[in-house]
Amino acid sequence: MYGLVLCTSCKRKRITDLKCETSACPYCDRVSKTCELTVLFSDRSQSVVRNALNSAESSKYPEPRKKSGTDHDPVSTLIFRYEHTSGTFEKLVVLADGLTGMKGTFSKNDVNEIFPGEGEHLIEQMISADIIIEIRNGTYKAL
């Protein structure tokens, strides 16, 4: 679930993954507990929340500063890093580290949200390459 939230410090609107325990503001670098953020809008689809961010009433919420070429949504950033990494092993390390960093632990469903239909295959590859461990049945973490 993704949310359009306001930073607790600078009050700028931004997108965050509501499943994550904490979230860092890309504008002021303040790390906040996700449960303490003001959620303005939420949806399962990241693109729906992004559209809400782009169409939010600017007089009600301060406009974020634009940083050229950066995307501060953690999932988009992970996908970008994955796609721009060469080598299968390196891609799997980026994916495992990214999911572990965002969620602490992750499941096949978390991988499927990013790469639909590929969760089981990618998990198997990461396990066989000793990149992740299964800490509970169906729950994984990067080594």
N, C-alpha and C. Protein backbone atom coordinates (compact mmCIF):
# COMPACT_ATOMS: atom_id res chain seq x y z
N MET A 1 0.85 -1.16 0.00
CA MET A 1 0.00 0.00 0.00
C MET A 1 0.90 1.23 0.00
N TYR A 2 0.62 2.16 -0.89
CA TYR A 2 1.40 3.38 -1.01
C TYR A 2 0.57 4.55 -0.52
N GLY A 3 1.24 5.57 0.01
CA GLY A 3 0.52 6.71 0.53
C GLY A 3 1.14 8.02 0.12
N LEU A 4 0.28 9.01 -0.06
CA LEU A 4 0.70 10.39 -0.23
C LEU A 4 0.71 10.97 1.18
N VAL A 5 1.88 11.36 1.66
CA VAL A 5 2.04 11.78 3.05
C VAL A 5 2.67 13.15 3.13
N LEU A 6 2.57 13.74 4.33
CA LEU A 6 3.27 14.98 4.63
C LEU A 6 4.41 14.68 5.58
N CYS A 7 5.57 15.24 5.31
CA CYS A 7 6.71 15.08 6.19
C CYS A 7 6.39 15.73 7.54
N THR A 8 6.81 15.11 8.62
CA THR A 8 6.55 15.65 9.96
C THR A 8 7.42 16.88 10.23
N SER A 9 8.48 17.06 9.46
CA SER A 9 9.38 18.18 9.68
C SER A 9 9.14 19.34 8.71
N CYS A 10 9.31 19.09 7.41
CA CYS A 10 9.21 20.18 6.43
C CYS A 10 7.82 20.33 5.82
N LYS A 11 6.91 19.39 6.12
CA LYS A 11 5.51 19.43 5.67
C LYS A 11 5.34 19.31 4.16
N ARG A 12 6.35 18.82 3.47
CA ARG A 12 6.21 18.63 2.02
C ARG A 12 5.53 17.30 1.75
N LYS A 13 4.78 17.27 0.67
CA LYS A 13 4.09 16.03 0.32
C LYS A 13 5.03 15.14 -0.49
N ARG A 14 4.88 13.84 -0.27
CA ARG A 14 5.72 12.86 -0.95
C ARG A 14 5.05 11.51 -0.91
N ILE A 15 5.59 10.56 -1.64
CA ILE A 15 5.04 9.20 -1.68
C ILE A 15 5.90 8.31 -0.80
N THR A 16 5.25 7.40 -0.09
CA THR A 16 5.99 6.41 0.70
C THR A 16 5.26 5.08 0.65
N ASP A 17 6.00 4.02 0.91
CA ASP A 17 5.41 2.69 1.02
C ASP A 17 4.94 2.55 2.46
N LEU A 18 3.64 2.44 2.66
CA LEU A 18 3.06 2.42 4.01
C LEU A 18 3.37 1.13 4.76
N LYS A 19 3.89 0.11 4.09
CA LYS A 19 4.26 -1.14 4.75
C LYS A 19 5.58 -1.02 5.50
N CYS A 20 6.40 -0.04 5.11
CA CYS A 20 7.70 0.14 5.74
C CYS A 20 7.53 0.77 7.12
N GLU A 21 8.40 0.40 8.05
CA GLU A 21 8.32 0.93 9.41
C GLU A 21 8.72 2.39 9.48
N THR A 22 9.74 2.78 8.70
CA THR A 22 10.20 4.16 8.71
C THR A 22 10.30 4.67 7.27
N SER A 23 10.38 5.98 7.16
CA SER A 23 10.47 6.62 5.86
C SER A 23 11.31 7.88 5.99
N ALA A 24 12.27 8.05 5.06
CA ALA A 24 13.12 9.24 5.07
C ALA A 24 12.60 10.25 4.06
N CYS A 25 12.48 11.49 4.48
CA CYS A 25 12.03 12.54 3.59
C CYS A 25 13.16 12.88 2.61
N PRO A 26 12.85 12.90 1.32
CA PRO A 26 13.90 13.21 0.34
C PRO A 26 14.27 14.69 0.32
N TYR A 27 13.50 15.52 1.00
CA TYR A 27 13.73 16.96 0.97
C TYR A 27 14.53 17.44 2.17
N CYS A 28 14.20 16.95 3.36
CA CYS A 28 14.89 17.41 4.56
C CYS A 28 15.68 16.29 5.26
N ASP A 29 15.60 15.07 4.73
CA ASP A 29 16.32 13.89 5.24
C ASP A 29 15.85 13.41 6.62
N ARG A 30 14.73 13.92 7.10
CA ARG A 30 14.21 13.47 8.39
C ARG A 30 13.63 12.07 8.25
N VAL A 31 14.01 11.18 9.15
CA VAL A 31 13.47 9.83 9.16
C VAL A 31 12.33 9.81 10.17
N SER A 32 11.16 9.38 9.71
CA SER A 32 9.97 9.35 10.56
C SER A 32 9.38 7.95 10.57
N LYS A 33 8.73 7.63 11.67
CA LYS A 33 7.97 6.38 11.71
C LYS A 33 6.76 6.55 10.79
N THR A 34 6.54 5.57 9.95
CA THR A 34 5.45 5.65 8.98
C THR A 34 4.11 5.86 9.68
N CYS A 35 3.92 5.24 10.83
CA CYS A 35 2.65 5.37 11.54
C CYS A 35 2.42 6.79 12.06
N GLU A 36 3.46 7.62 12.12
CA GLU A 36 3.32 8.99 12.60
C GLU A 36 3.11 10.01 11.48
N LEU A 37 3.20 9.56 10.22
CA LEU A 37 3.03 10.46 9.08
C LEU A 37 1.56 10.73 8.83
N THR A 38 1.24 11.93 8.35
CA THR A 38 -0.12 12.29 7.97
C THR A 38 -0.36 11.75 6.57
N VAL A 39 -1.26 10.77 6.45
CA VAL A 39 -1.57 10.16 5.16
C VAL A 39 -2.71 10.95 4.53
N LEU A 40 -2.43 11.57 3.38
CA LEU A 40 -3.42 12.36 2.67
C LEU A 40 -4.25 11.51 1.73
N PHE A 41 -3.64 10.45 1.20
CA PHE A 41 -4.29 9.59 0.23
C PHE A 41 -3.50 8.29 0.18
N SER A 42 -4.18 7.16 -0.03
CA SER A 42 -3.48 5.90 -0.16
C SER A 42 -4.18 5.01 -1.18
N ASP A 43 -3.41 4.12 -1.77
CA ASP A 43 -3.93 3.17 -2.75
C ASP A 43 -2.91 2.05 -2.91
N ARG A 44 -3.36 0.90 -3.39
CA ARG A 44 -2.46 -0.22 -3.65
C ARG A 44 -1.53 0.06 -4.83
N SER A 45 -1.97 0.91 -5.74
CA SER A 45 -1.22 1.20 -6.95
C SER A 45 -0.34 2.43 -6.76
N GLN A 46 0.95 2.24 -7.00
CA GLN A 46 1.89 3.35 -6.88
C GLN A 46 1.56 4.44 -7.90
N SER A 47 1.14 4.06 -9.10
CA SER A 47 0.84 5.06 -10.13
C SER A 47 -0.38 5.90 -9.76
N VAL A 48 -1.37 5.31 -9.09
CA VAL A 48 -2.54 6.08 -8.65
C VAL A 48 -2.12 7.11 -7.62
N VAL A 49 -1.25 6.73 -6.69
CA VAL A 49 -0.78 7.67 -5.67
C VAL A 49 0.09 8.74 -6.31
N ARG A 50 0.90 8.36 -7.31
CA ARG A 50 1.73 9.34 -8.01
C ARG A 50 0.85 10.37 -8.72
N ASN A 51 -0.25 9.91 -9.33
CA ASN A 51 -1.19 10.84 -9.97
C ASN A 51 -1.83 11.77 -8.95
N ALA A 52 -2.13 11.23 -7.77
CA ALA A 52 -2.70 12.06 -6.70
C ALA A 52 -1.68 13.11 -6.26
N LEU A 53 -0.42 12.72 -6.17
CA LEU A 53 0.63 13.68 -5.81
C LEU A 53 0.72 14.78 -6.85
N ASN A 54 0.68 14.41 -8.12
CA ASN A 54 0.80 15.39 -9.20
C ASN A 54 -0.41 16.32 -9.29
N SER A 55 -1.59 15.85 -8.83
CA SER A 55 -2.79 16.68 -8.96
C SER A 55 -3.26 17.28 -7.63
N ALA A 56 -2.48 17.06 -6.55
CA ALA A 56 -2.88 17.58 -5.24
C ALA A 56 -2.96 19.11 -5.28
N GLU A 57 -3.90 19.65 -4.54
CA GLU A 57 -4.11 21.09 -4.50
C GLU A 57 -2.89 21.79 -3.92
N SER A 58 -2.18 22.55 -4.74
CA SER A 58 -0.92 23.15 -4.33
C SER A 58 -1.09 24.21 -3.24
N SER A 59 -2.26 24.83 -3.14
CA SER A 59 -2.44 25.84 -2.11
C SER A 59 -2.58 25.20 -0.72
N LYS A 60 -3.00 23.94 -0.69
CA LYS A 60 -3.18 23.26 0.58
C LYS A 60 -1.88 22.61 1.06
N TYR A 61 -1.08 22.10 0.14
CA TYR A 61 0.15 21.40 0.49
C TYR A 61 1.33 22.08 -0.19
N PRO A 62 2.43 22.30 0.51
CA PRO A 62 3.58 22.94 -0.12
C PRO A 62 4.14 22.08 -1.25
N GLU A 63 4.57 22.72 -2.33
CA GLU A 63 5.17 22.02 -3.46
C GLU A 63 6.58 21.57 -3.10
N PRO A 64 6.94 20.36 -3.44
CA PRO A 64 8.31 19.90 -3.15
C PRO A 64 9.31 20.57 -4.09
N ARG A 65 10.52 20.70 -3.58
CA ARG A 65 11.59 21.16 -4.46
C ARG A 65 11.88 20.05 -5.45
N LYS A 66 12.19 20.41 -6.66
CA LYS A 66 12.51 19.42 -7.67
C LYS A 66 14.00 19.18 -7.68
N LYS A 67 14.38 17.91 -7.59
CA LYS A 67 15.77 17.53 -7.74
C LYS A 67 15.86 16.81 -9.07
N SER A 68 16.73 17.26 -9.91
CA SER A 68 16.78 16.70 -11.25
C SER A 68 17.20 15.24 -11.23
N GLY A 69 16.41 14.43 -11.97
CA GLY A 69 16.77 13.04 -12.19
C GLY A 69 16.64 12.12 -11.01
N THR A 70 15.93 12.51 -9.96
CA THR A 70 15.81 11.61 -8.82
C THR A 70 14.36 11.24 -8.59
N ASP A 71 14.15 10.04 -8.11
CA ASP A 71 12.83 9.54 -7.77
C ASP A 71 12.92 9.06 -6.33
N HIS A 72 12.13 9.63 -5.45
CA HIS A 72 12.28 9.36 -4.04
C HIS A 72 11.34 8.29 -3.52
N ASP A 73 10.62 7.65 -4.42
CA ASP A 73 9.81 6.52 -4.02
C ASP A 73 10.74 5.31 -3.92
N PRO A 74 10.78 4.62 -2.78
CA PRO A 74 11.76 3.55 -2.61
C PRO A 74 11.62 2.41 -3.62
N VAL A 75 10.39 2.07 -4.00
CA VAL A 75 10.21 0.98 -4.96
C VAL A 75 10.72 1.39 -6.34
N SER A 76 10.40 2.60 -6.77
CA SER A 76 10.90 3.08 -8.07
C SER A 76 12.42 3.15 -8.07
N THR A 77 12.99 3.58 -6.96
CA THR A 77 14.44 3.66 -6.85
C THR A 77 15.05 2.26 -6.93
N LEU A 78 14.44 1.29 -6.25
CA LEU A 78 14.93 -0.09 -6.30
C LEU A 78 14.85 -0.64 -7.71
N ILE A 79 13.74 -0.43 -8.39
CA ILE A 79 13.60 -0.92 -9.76
C ILE A 79 14.65 -0.28 -10.66
N PHE A 80 14.88 1.02 -10.51
CA PHE A 80 15.89 1.72 -11.30
C PHE A 80 17.27 1.11 -11.06
N ARG A 81 17.63 0.93 -9.80
CA ARG A 81 18.94 0.35 -9.47
C ARG A 81 19.07 -1.06 -10.03
N TYR A 82 18.00 -1.86 -9.91
CA TYR A 82 18.00 -3.23 -10.43
C TYR A 82 18.22 -3.23 -11.94
N GLU A 83 17.46 -2.40 -12.64
CA GLU A 83 17.54 -2.37 -14.10
C GLU A 83 18.86 -1.82 -14.61
N HIS A 84 19.55 -1.01 -13.82
CA HIS A 84 20.80 -0.42 -14.25
C HIS A 84 22.03 -1.10 -13.65
N THR A 85 21.84 -2.29 -13.12
CA THR A 85 22.94 -3.08 -12.61
C THR A 85 23.24 -4.18 -13.62
N SER A 86 24.51 -4.39 -13.90
CA SER A 86 24.86 -5.44 -14.85
C SER A 86 25.17 -6.73 -14.11
N GLY A 87 24.83 -7.83 -14.71
CA GLY A 87 25.11 -9.14 -14.13
C GLY A 87 23.97 -9.64 -13.27
N THR A 88 23.64 -10.90 -13.46
CA THR A 88 22.51 -11.50 -12.74
C THR A 88 22.74 -11.50 -11.24
N PHE A 89 23.92 -11.90 -10.80
CA PHE A 89 24.21 -11.95 -9.37
C PHE A 89 24.07 -10.58 -8.74
N GLU A 90 24.64 -9.57 -9.39
CA GLU A 90 24.59 -8.21 -8.86
C GLU A 90 23.15 -7.70 -8.79
N LYS A 91 22.33 -8.02 -9.80
CA LYS A 91 20.92 -7.63 -9.79
C LYS A 91 20.20 -8.26 -8.59
N LEU A 92 20.48 -9.54 -8.33
CA LEU A 92 19.84 -10.22 -7.21
C LEU A 92 20.27 -9.62 -5.87
N VAL A 93 21.53 -9.22 -5.76
CA VAL A 93 22.02 -8.57 -4.54
C VAL A 93 21.30 -7.24 -4.34
N VAL A 94 21.16 -6.44 -5.41
CA VAL A 94 20.47 -5.16 -5.33
C VAL A 94 19.03 -5.38 -4.87
N LEU A 95 18.35 -6.38 -5.45
CA LEU A 95 16.96 -6.67 -5.08
C LEU A 95 16.85 -7.10 -3.62
N ALA A 96 17.69 -8.04 -3.20
CA ALA A 96 17.64 -8.52 -1.81
C ALA A 96 17.95 -7.42 -0.81
N ASP A 97 19.01 -6.66 -1.08
CA ASP A 97 19.38 -5.58 -0.17
C ASP A 97 18.31 -4.49 -0.13
N GLY A 98 17.74 -4.18 -1.29
CA GLY A 98 16.71 -3.15 -1.36
C GLY A 98 15.46 -3.54 -0.61
N LEU A 99 14.99 -4.77 -0.81
CA LEU A 99 13.78 -5.23 -0.10
C LEU A 99 14.03 -5.33 1.40
N THR A 100 15.20 -5.83 1.78
CA THR A 100 15.53 -5.92 3.21
C THR A 100 15.62 -4.52 3.82
N GLY A 101 16.21 -3.58 3.10
CA GLY A 101 16.32 -2.22 3.61
C GLY A 101 14.97 -1.53 3.77
N MET A 102 14.06 -1.78 2.82
CA MET A 102 12.74 -1.15 2.87
C MET A 102 11.82 -1.81 3.89
N LYS A 103 11.86 -3.13 3.97
CA LYS A 103 10.85 -3.85 4.73
C LYS A 103 11.38 -4.59 5.95
N GLY A 104 12.68 -4.76 6.04
CA GLY A 104 13.26 -5.56 7.12
C GLY A 104 13.32 -7.02 6.71
N THR A 105 12.18 -7.60 6.38
CA THR A 105 12.08 -8.93 5.81
C THR A 105 11.10 -8.84 4.65
N PHE A 106 11.14 -9.83 3.77
CA PHE A 106 10.25 -9.79 2.62
C PHE A 106 9.79 -11.19 2.25
N SER A 107 8.77 -11.25 1.42
CA SER A 107 8.20 -12.52 1.00
C SER A 107 8.14 -12.58 -0.53
N LYS A 108 7.71 -13.72 -1.04
CA LYS A 108 7.52 -13.89 -2.47
C LYS A 108 6.52 -12.86 -2.99
N ASN A 109 5.49 -12.56 -2.21
CA ASN A 109 4.50 -11.56 -2.63
C ASN A 109 5.11 -10.18 -2.79
N ASP A 110 6.06 -9.83 -1.92
CA ASP A 110 6.74 -8.54 -2.04
C ASP A 110 7.52 -8.46 -3.35
N VAL A 111 8.18 -9.55 -3.72
CA VAL A 111 8.92 -9.59 -4.99
C VAL A 111 7.94 -9.53 -6.16
N ASN A 112 6.82 -10.24 -6.04
CA ASN A 112 5.80 -10.23 -7.10
C ASN A 112 5.19 -8.85 -7.31
N GLU A 113 5.11 -8.03 -6.26
CA GLU A 113 4.59 -6.67 -6.41
C GLU A 113 5.50 -5.84 -7.31
N ILE A 114 6.79 -6.11 -7.26
CA ILE A 114 7.74 -5.37 -8.06
C ILE A 114 7.90 -6.01 -9.44
N PHE A 115 8.01 -7.33 -9.46
CA PHE A 115 8.19 -8.09 -10.70
C PHE A 115 7.10 -9.16 -10.76
N PRO A 116 5.92 -8.79 -11.26
CA PRO A 116 4.78 -9.73 -11.28
C PRO A 116 5.12 -11.08 -11.92
N GLY A 117 4.77 -12.14 -11.19
CA GLY A 117 4.97 -13.50 -11.68
C GLY A 117 6.39 -14.02 -11.54
N GLU A 118 7.31 -13.22 -11.04
CA GLU A 118 8.71 -13.61 -10.95
C GLU A 118 9.17 -13.92 -9.53
N GLY A 119 8.29 -13.74 -8.54
CA GLY A 119 8.69 -13.87 -7.14
C GLY A 119 9.34 -15.19 -6.80
N GLU A 120 8.69 -16.27 -7.14
CA GLU A 120 9.21 -17.60 -6.78
C GLU A 120 10.56 -17.85 -7.45
N HIS A 121 10.66 -17.53 -8.72
CA HIS A 121 11.90 -17.75 -9.46
C HIS A 121 13.05 -16.92 -8.89
N LEU A 122 12.80 -15.64 -8.63
CA LEU A 122 13.85 -14.77 -8.09
C LEU A 122 14.26 -15.19 -6.69
N ILE A 123 13.29 -15.59 -5.86
CA ILE A 123 13.62 -16.08 -4.51
C ILE A 123 14.52 -17.31 -4.60
N GLU A 124 14.16 -18.26 -5.47
CA GLU A 124 14.97 -19.47 -5.64
C GLU A 124 16.39 -19.13 -6.06
N GLN A 125 16.54 -18.18 -7.00
CA GLN A 125 17.87 -17.77 -7.44
C GLN A 125 18.66 -17.13 -6.30
N MET A 126 18.00 -16.28 -5.51
CA MET A 126 18.71 -15.62 -4.40
C MET A 126 19.13 -16.61 -3.33
N ILE A 127 18.28 -17.61 -3.06
CA ILE A 127 18.64 -18.64 -2.07
C ILE A 127 19.82 -19.46 -2.57
N SER A 128 19.75 -19.91 -3.83
CA SER A 128 20.83 -20.76 -4.36
C SER A 128 22.15 -20.01 -4.48
N ALA A 129 22.11 -18.70 -4.61
CA ALA A 129 23.33 -17.90 -4.69
C ALA A 129 23.80 -17.42 -3.31
N ASP A 130 23.13 -17.88 -2.25
CA ASP A 130 23.46 -17.48 -0.87
C ASP A 130 23.42 -15.97 -0.68
N ILE A 131 22.40 -15.34 -1.26
CA ILE A 131 22.20 -13.89 -1.11
C ILE A 131 21.20 -13.62 0.00
N ILE A 132 20.23 -14.52 0.19
CA ILE A 132 19.22 -14.37 1.22
C ILE A 132 19.11 -15.64 2.03
N ILE A 133 18.50 -15.51 3.21
CA ILE A 133 18.17 -16.67 4.03
C ILE A 133 16.68 -16.61 4.36
N GLU A 134 16.12 -17.78 4.58
CA GLU A 134 14.72 -17.86 4.99
C GLU A 134 14.71 -17.87 6.50
N ILE A 135 14.20 -16.81 7.11
CA ILE A 135 14.23 -16.71 8.56
C ILE A 135 12.99 -17.31 9.21
N ARG A 136 11.89 -17.33 8.46
CA ARG A 136 10.67 -18.02 8.83
C ARG A 136 10.09 -18.59 7.55
N ASN A 137 9.16 -19.47 7.66
CA ASN A 137 8.56 -20.06 6.46
C ASN A 137 8.00 -18.97 5.54
N GLY A 138 8.64 -18.81 4.38
CA GLY A 138 8.18 -17.83 3.40
C GLY A 138 8.62 -16.40 3.66
N THR A 139 9.49 -16.18 4.65
CA THR A 139 9.99 -14.86 4.98
C THR A 139 11.49 -14.85 4.84
N TYR A 140 12.01 -13.86 4.11
CA TYR A 140 13.42 -13.84 3.74
C TYR A 140 14.10 -12.54 4.14
N LYS A 141 15.43 -12.61 4.19
CA LYS A 141 16.24 -11.45 4.55
C LYS A 141 17.59 -11.58 3.86
N ALA A 142 18.15 -10.46 3.40
CA ALA A 142 19.48 -10.47 2.77
C ALA A 142 20.53 -10.82 3.81
N LEU A 143 21.57 -11.49 3.33
CA LEU A 143 22.70 -11.84 4.22
C LEU A 143 23.64 -10.66 4.37
